[in-house]
Amino acid sequence: MPFTTAPVLPAGTLSRSAQPVLATGDGLLLRPWRADDAPAVHAVFQDPLMHQWHIRSSDSVGEGVGWIEQWRESWGAERTAQWAVADEDTDRVLGRVALRTIELGEGSAEVAYWTAPDARGRGVAVRATAALTRWAFDEIGFHRLELMHATANESSCRVATKAGFALEGTKRSAVLHPDGWHDMHLHARVREDAAD
C-alpha cells in the first residue's frame, strides 16, 4: 500500500556520513562518545539526582563501555543519536544530549539530556540542547522535536523553556520511576518556530 506523502527525511539521512562534532560557540562541544568516556558516565550515574529522574543505573565502568558502544552503533541504525557534551578546552565530559525515537519519515525525534553534578547551574543543558536543535532543523531538516520530563522536575522544565521548547501539555502517569508513576510535561519545537 503506497503512502500519500513522501518521507520528510529519507533513510540514510544520518548514516550516510559520520556523526558530526557540533560547537555551541560558547565553550562546549557536542562530540561522539568514546570508550574512554565510560568512567565519566559511570560516575554521573552514581548521583542520587540521576536515580530520581532517570530509569537506568550504572553498576560498573564496564557497563558504561557497553552503553557507549550501543550509543555509537545507534547512529548507523538511525534510531538514536547520542553526543557527549564536553568542555571545549579540557574535553571533560559535562553531560549528554541526544535525539531519541528518531522517525526520519515523519521528520521527528525526542530530545533528551543530562548534566554531570559538578556542571549543573552553568547552562550546559540549555546550550547543548540549543546547539543540537539548530543542527537538527537547519542542517538535517527535521520538522518537529519533542522533549519530555517529569512534571516534578522543575530544573528540566526551565531547560526546555530556555531552549525554546513550548509546553504543549501533560501526559498523565506516563513514565514509571523508582518512586512510582510520573506525569510528564510534553514540550516541542517545530522548524517554523522562531529561531532562538
C-alpha atoms as a PDB file:
ATOM      1  CA  MET A   1       0.000   0.000   0.000  1.00  0.00           C
ATOM      2  CA  PRO A   2       1.617   3.293  -1.075  1.00  0.00           C
ATOM      3  CA  PHE A   3       1.979   6.290   1.212  1.00  0.00           C
ATOM      4  CA  THR A   4       0.199   9.509   0.260  1.00  0.00           C
ATOM      5  CA  THR A   5       3.163  11.703   1.277  1.00  0.00           C
ATOM      6  CA  ALA A   6       6.893  11.443   0.745  1.00  0.00           C
ATOM      7  CA  PRO A   7       9.137  10.897   3.759  1.00  0.00           C
ATOM      8  CA  VAL A   8      10.278  14.134   5.370  1.00  0.00           C
ATOM      9  CA  LEU A   9      13.791  12.679   5.626  1.00  0.00           C
ATOM     10  CA  PRO A  10      14.841   9.622   3.619  1.00  0.00           C
ATOM     11  CA  ALA A  11      16.589   6.618   5.118  1.00  0.00           C
ATOM     12  CA  GLY A  12      20.327   7.272   5.199  1.00  0.00           C
ATOM     13  CA  THR A  13      19.970  10.933   6.117  1.00  0.00           C
ATOM     14  CA  LEU A  14      22.142  10.397   9.194  1.00  0.00           C
ATOM     15  CA  SER A  15      24.051   7.190   8.457  1.00  0.00           C
ATOM     16  CA  ARG A  16      25.453   8.267   5.088  1.00  0.00           C
ATOM     17  CA  SER A  17      28.034  10.395   6.920  1.00  0.00           C
ATOM     18  CA  ALA A  18      29.980  10.273  10.158  1.00  0.00           C
ATOM     19  CA  GLN A  19      28.379  11.687  13.291  1.00  0.00           C
ATOM     20  CA  PRO A  20      29.466  15.330  13.443  1.00  0.00           C
ATOM     21  CA  VAL A  21      31.078  17.347  16.203  1.00  0.00           C
ATOM     22  CA  LEU A  22      28.874  20.364  16.998  1.00  0.00           C
ATOM     23  CA  ALA A  23      30.181  23.505  18.687  1.00  0.00           C
ATOM     24  CA  THR A  24      27.888  25.652  20.795  1.00  0.00           C
ATOM     25  CA  GLY A  25      30.016  28.720  20.103  1.00  0.00           C
ATOM     26  CA  ASP A  26      30.422  29.393  23.815  1.00  0.00           C
ATOM     27  CA  GLY A  27      32.843  26.792  25.111  1.00  0.00           C
ATOM     28  CA  LEU A  28      31.069  23.460  24.653  1.00  0.00           C
ATOM     29  CA  LEU A  29      31.472  20.709  22.084  1.00  0.00           C
ATOM     30  CA  LEU A  30      28.933  18.045  21.290  1.00  0.00           C
ATOM     31  CA  ARG A  31      31.042  15.109  20.147  1.00  0.00           C
ATOM     32  CA  PRO A  32      30.548  11.387  19.594  1.00  0.00           C
ATOM     33  CA  TRP A  33      31.091   9.252  22.680  1.00  0.00           C
ATOM     34  CA  ARG A  34      34.394   7.390  23.106  1.00  0.00           C
ATOM     35  CA  ALA A  35      35.124   4.259  25.145  1.00  0.00           C
ATOM     36  CA  ASP A  36      37.403   6.290  27.408  1.00  0.00           C
ATOM     37  CA  ASP A  37      34.351   8.362  28.484  1.00  0.00           C
ATOM     38  CA  ALA A  38      32.982   5.326  30.371  1.00  0.00           C
ATOM     39  CA  PRO A  39      34.386   6.319  33.787  1.00  0.00           C
ATOM     40  CA  ALA A  40      32.690   9.723  33.492  1.00  0.00           C
ATOM     41  CA  VAL A  41      29.365   8.107  32.533  1.00  0.00           C
ATOM     42  CA  HIS A  42      29.592   5.671  35.434  1.00  0.00           C
ATOM     43  CA  ALA A  43      30.405   8.488  37.867  1.00  0.00           C
ATOM     44  CA  VAL A  44      27.421  10.574  36.747  1.00  0.00           C
ATOM     45  CA  PHE A  45      25.070   7.649  37.256  1.00  0.00           C
ATOM     46  CA  GLN A  46      26.150   7.329  40.892  1.00  0.00           C
ATOM     47  CA  ASP A  47      24.492  10.704  41.592  1.00  0.00           C
ATOM     48  CA  PRO A  48      21.217  10.400  43.572  1.00  0.00           C
ATOM     49  CA  LEU A  49      19.574  13.047  41.361  1.00  0.00           C
ATOM     50  CA  MET A  50      20.171  10.851  38.312  1.00  0.00           C
ATOM     51  CA  HIS A  51      18.436   8.000  40.159  1.00  0.00           C
ATOM     52  CA  GLN A  52      15.476  10.278  40.799  1.00  0.00           C
ATOM     53  CA  TRP A  53      14.865  11.333  37.188  1.00  0.00           C
ATOM     54  CA  HIS A  54      16.337   8.516  35.086  1.00  0.00           C
ATOM     55  CA  ILE A  55      15.235   4.918  34.881  1.00  0.00           C
ATOM     56  CA  ARG A  56      18.718   3.416  34.424  1.00  0.00           C
ATOM     57  CA  SER A  57      21.641   2.955  36.777  1.00  0.00           C
ATOM     58  CA  SER A  58      25.253   2.021  36.092  1.00  0.00           C
ATOM     59  CA  ASP A  59      26.817  -0.771  38.139  1.00  0.00           C
ATOM     60  CA  SER A  60      30.308  -0.575  36.636  1.00  0.00           C
ATOM     61  CA  VAL A  61      32.608   1.261  34.265  1.00  0.00           C
ATOM     62  CA  GLY A  62      32.393  -1.811  32.034  1.00  0.00           C
ATOM     63  CA  GLU A  63      28.656  -1.312  31.763  1.00  0.00           C
ATOM     64  CA  GLY A  64      29.356   2.278  30.694  1.00  0.00           C
ATOM     65  CA  VAL A  65      31.619   0.953  27.943  1.00  0.00           C
ATOM     66  CA  GLY A  66      28.720  -1.187  26.709  1.00  0.00           C
ATOM     67  CA  TRP A  67      26.328   1.771  26.731  1.00  0.00           C
ATOM     68  CA  ILE A  68      28.780   3.865  24.747  1.00  0.00           C
ATOM     69  CA  GLU A  69      29.179   1.082  22.194  1.00  0.00           C
ATOM     70  CA  GLN A  70      25.387   0.957  21.798  1.00  0.00           C
ATOM     71  CA  TRP A  71      25.219   4.769  21.521  1.00  0.00           C
ATOM     72  CA  ARG A  72      27.866   4.772  18.789  1.00  0.00           C
ATOM     73  CA  GLU A  73      26.149   1.962  16.861  1.00  0.00           C
ATOM     74  CA  SER A  74      22.766   3.680  17.061  1.00  0.00           C
ATOM     75  CA  TRP A  75      23.967   6.448  14.725  1.00  0.00           C
ATOM     76  CA  GLY A  76      24.286   3.978  11.850  1.00  0.00           C
ATOM     77  CA  ALA A  77      20.917   2.443  12.639  1.00  0.00           C
ATOM     78  CA  GLU A  78      19.319   5.939  12.747  1.00  0.00           C
ATOM     79  CA  ARG A  79      17.351   5.055  15.902  1.00  0.00           C
ATOM     80  CA  THR A  80      19.040   7.479  18.275  1.00  0.00           C
ATOM     81  CA  ALA A  81      21.903   9.957  18.071  1.00  0.00           C
ATOM     82  CA  GLN A  82      23.896  10.499  21.265  1.00  0.00           C
ATOM     83  CA  TRP A  83      26.543  13.129  21.962  1.00  0.00           C
ATOM     84  CA  ALA A  84      28.887  13.720  24.863  1.00  0.00           C
ATOM     85  CA  VAL A  85      28.765  17.368  25.911  1.00  0.00           C
ATOM     86  CA  ALA A  86      32.387  18.293  26.619  1.00  0.00           C
ATOM     87  CA  ASP A  87      34.309  21.353  27.690  1.00  0.00           C
ATOM     88  CA  GLU A  88      35.913  22.726  24.527  1.00  0.00           C
ATOM     89  CA  ASP A  89      39.255  23.409  26.246  1.00  0.00           C
ATOM     90  CA  THR A  90      39.671  20.372  28.520  1.00  0.00           C
ATOM     91  CA  ASP A  91      37.474  17.765  26.755  1.00  0.00           C
ATOM     92  CA  ARG A  92      35.991  16.889  30.169  1.00  0.00           C
ATOM     93  CA  VAL A  93      32.508  15.328  29.881  1.00  0.00           C
ATOM     94  CA  LEU A  94      29.927  17.731  31.319  1.00  0.00           C
ATOM     95  CA  GLY A  95      26.784  15.986  30.122  1.00  0.00           C
ATOM     96  CA  ARG A  96      24.929  14.233  27.361  1.00  0.00           C
ATOM     97  CA  VAL A  97      22.431  15.362  24.742  1.00  0.00           C
ATOM     98  CA  ALA A  98      20.580  13.094  22.349  1.00  0.00           C
ATOM     99  CA  LEU A  99      17.925  12.625  19.742  1.00  0.00           C
ATOM    100  CA  ARG A 100      15.859   9.586  20.677  1.00  0.00           C
ATOM    101  CA  THR A 101      12.910   7.897  18.986  1.00  0.00           C
ATOM    102  CA  ILE A 102      14.051   9.167  15.597  1.00  0.00           C
ATOM    103  CA  GLU A 103      11.369   8.854  12.917  1.00  0.00           C
ATOM    104  CA  LEU A 104      13.003  10.034   9.698  1.00  0.00           C
ATOM    105  CA  GLY A 105       9.878   9.548   7.608  1.00  0.00           C
ATOM    106  CA  GLU A 106       7.974  11.901   9.890  1.00  0.00           C
ATOM    107  CA  GLY A 107      10.942  14.207  10.441  1.00  0.00           C
ATOM    108  CA  SER A 108      10.620  13.899  14.205  1.00  0.00           C
ATOM    109  CA  ALA A 109      12.680  12.953  17.246  1.00  0.00           C
ATOM    110  CA  GLU A 110      12.755  13.407  21.017  1.00  0.00           C
ATOM    111  CA  VAL A 111      15.486  15.482  22.666  1.00  0.00           C
ATOM    112  CA  ALA A 112      16.992  14.168  25.898  1.00  0.00           C
ATOM    113  CA  TYR A 113      19.820  15.376  28.106  1.00  0.00           C
ATOM    114  CA  TRP A 114      21.569  15.082  31.438  1.00  0.00           C
ATOM    115  CA  THR A 115      24.302  17.087  33.134  1.00  0.00           C
ATOM    116  CA  ALA A 116      27.114  15.952  35.410  1.00  0.00           C
ATOM    117  CA  PRO A 117      26.601  17.096  39.026  1.00  0.00           C
ATOM    118  CA  ASP A 118      29.588  19.465  39.037  1.00  0.00           C
ATOM    119  CA  ALA A 119      28.469  21.090  35.767  1.00  0.00           C
ATOM    120  CA  ARG A 120      24.910  21.938  36.831  1.00  0.00           C
ATOM    121  CA  GLY A 121      23.768  25.534  37.122  1.00  0.00           C
ATOM    122  CA  ARG A 122      26.040  26.701  34.282  1.00  0.00           C
ATOM    123  CA  GLY A 123      23.580  26.455  31.392  1.00  0.00           C
ATOM    124  CA  VAL A 124      25.217  23.340  29.956  1.00  0.00           C
ATOM    125  CA  ALA A 125      21.941  21.539  29.155  1.00  0.00           C
ATOM    126  CA  VAL A 126      20.356  24.657  27.631  1.00  0.00           C
ATOM    127  CA  ARG A 127      23.376  25.438  25.454  1.00  0.00           C
ATOM    128  CA  ALA A 128      23.776  21.839  24.302  1.00  0.00           C
ATOM    129  CA  THR A 129      20.049  21.477  23.570  1.00  0.00           C
ATOM    130  CA  ALA A 130      20.016  24.732  21.598  1.00  0.00           C
ATOM    131  CA  ALA A 131      23.018  23.664  19.504  1.00  0.00           C
ATOM    132  CA  LEU A 132      21.535  20.231  18.804  1.00  0.00           C
ATOM    133  CA  THR A 133      18.191  21.794  17.891  1.00  0.00           C
ATOM    134  CA  ARG A 134      19.792  24.232  15.415  1.00  0.00           C
ATOM    135  CA  TRP A 135      21.692  21.379  13.766  1.00  0.00           C
ATOM    136  CA  ALA A 136      18.622  19.112  13.608  1.00  0.00           C
ATOM    137  CA  PHE A 137      16.464  21.783  11.979  1.00  0.00           C
ATOM    138  CA  ASP A 138      18.952  23.753   9.873  1.00  0.00           C
ATOM    139  CA  GLU A 139      21.453  21.110   8.784  1.00  0.00           C
ATOM    140  CA  ILE A 140      19.374  17.931   8.690  1.00  0.00           C
ATOM    141  CA  GLY A 141      15.825  19.174   8.082  1.00  0.00           C
ATOM    142  CA  PHE A 142      13.856  17.667  10.954  1.00  0.00           C
ATOM    143  CA  HIS A 143      10.316  19.059  11.194  1.00  0.00           C
ATOM    144  CA  ARG A 144       9.444  18.509  14.884  1.00  0.00           C
ATOM    145  CA  LEU A 145      11.437  17.878  18.050  1.00  0.00           C
ATOM    146  CA  GLU A 146       9.777  16.870  21.313  1.00  0.00           C
ATOM    147  CA  LEU A 147      11.165  16.984  24.840  1.00  0.00           C
ATOM    148  CA  MET A 148       9.613  15.299  27.891  1.00  0.00           C
ATOM    149  CA  HIS A 149      10.399  15.481  31.585  1.00  0.00           C
ATOM    150  CA  ALA A 150       8.668  14.624  34.845  1.00  0.00           C
ATOM    151  CA  THR A 151       6.384  17.465  35.891  1.00  0.00           C
ATOM    152  CA  ALA A 152       8.111  17.488  39.277  1.00  0.00           C
ATOM    153  CA  ASN A 153      11.497  18.126  37.615  1.00  0.00           C
ATOM    154  CA  GLU A 154      11.383  21.926  37.617  1.00  0.00           C
ATOM    155  CA  SER A 155      15.029  22.261  36.545  1.00  0.00           C
ATOM    156  CA  SER A 156      14.363  20.279  33.384  1.00  0.00           C
ATOM    157  CA  CYS A 157      11.284  22.375  32.682  1.00  0.00           C
ATOM    158  CA  ARG A 158      13.457  25.513  32.844  1.00  0.00           C
ATOM    159  CA  VAL A 159      15.939  23.941  30.405  1.00  0.00           C
ATOM    160  CA  ALA A 160      13.165  23.114  27.932  1.00  0.00           C
ATOM    161  CA  THR A 161      11.669  26.598  28.125  1.00  0.00           C
ATOM    162  CA  LYS A 162      15.021  28.391  27.801  1.00  0.00           C
ATOM    163  CA  ALA A 163      15.857  26.222  24.771  1.00  0.00           C
ATOM    164  CA  GLY A 164      12.647  27.400  23.090  1.00  0.00           C
ATOM    165  CA  PHE A 165      10.518  24.273  23.558  1.00  0.00           C
ATOM    166  CA  ALA A 166       6.893  25.295  24.156  1.00  0.00           C
ATOM    167  CA  LEU A 167       4.902  23.384  26.746  1.00  0.00           C
ATOM    168  CA  GLU A 168       2.152  21.540  24.876  1.00  0.00           C
ATOM    169  CA  GLY A 169       0.580  19.521  27.657  1.00  0.00           C
ATOM    170  CA  THR A 170       0.865  16.838  30.300  1.00  0.00           C
ATOM    171  CA  LYS A 171       0.995  13.109  29.698  1.00  0.00           C
ATOM    172  CA  ARG A 172      -0.620  11.640  32.812  1.00  0.00           C
ATOM    173  CA  SER A 173       1.045   8.739  34.608  1.00  0.00           C
ATOM    174  CA  ALA A 174       3.357   8.240  31.630  1.00  0.00           C
ATOM    175  CA  VAL A 175       6.723   7.032  32.987  1.00  0.00           C
ATOM    176  CA  LEU A 176       7.491   4.650  35.834  1.00  0.00           C
ATOM    177  CA  HIS A 177      10.323   5.814  38.112  1.00  0.00           C
ATOM    178  CA  PRO A 178      11.564   4.053  41.279  1.00  0.00           C
ATOM    179  CA  ASP A 179       9.152   6.151  43.364  1.00  0.00           C
ATOM    180  CA  GLY A 180       6.115   5.415  41.177  1.00  0.00           C
ATOM    181  CA  TRP A 181       4.359   6.730  38.075  1.00  0.00           C
ATOM    182  CA  HIS A 182       5.185  10.273  36.974  1.00  0.00           C
ATOM    183  CA  ASP A 183       3.159  12.726  34.946  1.00  0.00           C
ATOM    184  CA  MET A 184       5.307  14.105  32.131  1.00  0.00           C
ATOM    185  CA  HIS A 185       5.368  17.544  30.553  1.00  0.00           C
ATOM    186  CA  LEU A 186       5.490  17.442  26.762  1.00  0.00           C
ATOM    187  CA  HIS A 187       7.388  20.332  25.175  1.00  0.00           C
ATOM    188  CA  ALA A 188       8.051  20.718  21.453  1.00  0.00           C
ATOM    189  CA  ARG A 189       9.554  22.872  18.760  1.00  0.00           C
ATOM    190  CA  VAL A 190       8.799  22.770  15.062  1.00  0.00           C
ATOM    191  CA  ARG A 191      11.053  24.013  12.331  1.00  0.00           C
ATOM    192  CA  GLU A 192       8.919  27.082  11.693  1.00  0.00           C
ATOM    193  CA  ASP A 193       9.251  28.321  15.277  1.00  0.00           C
ATOM    194  CA  ALA A 194      11.265  31.491  15.679  1.00  0.00           C
ATOM    195  CA  ALA A 195      14.993  30.930  15.957  1.00  0.00           C
ATOM    196  CA  ASP A 196      16.425  31.046  19.455  1.00  0.00           C
END
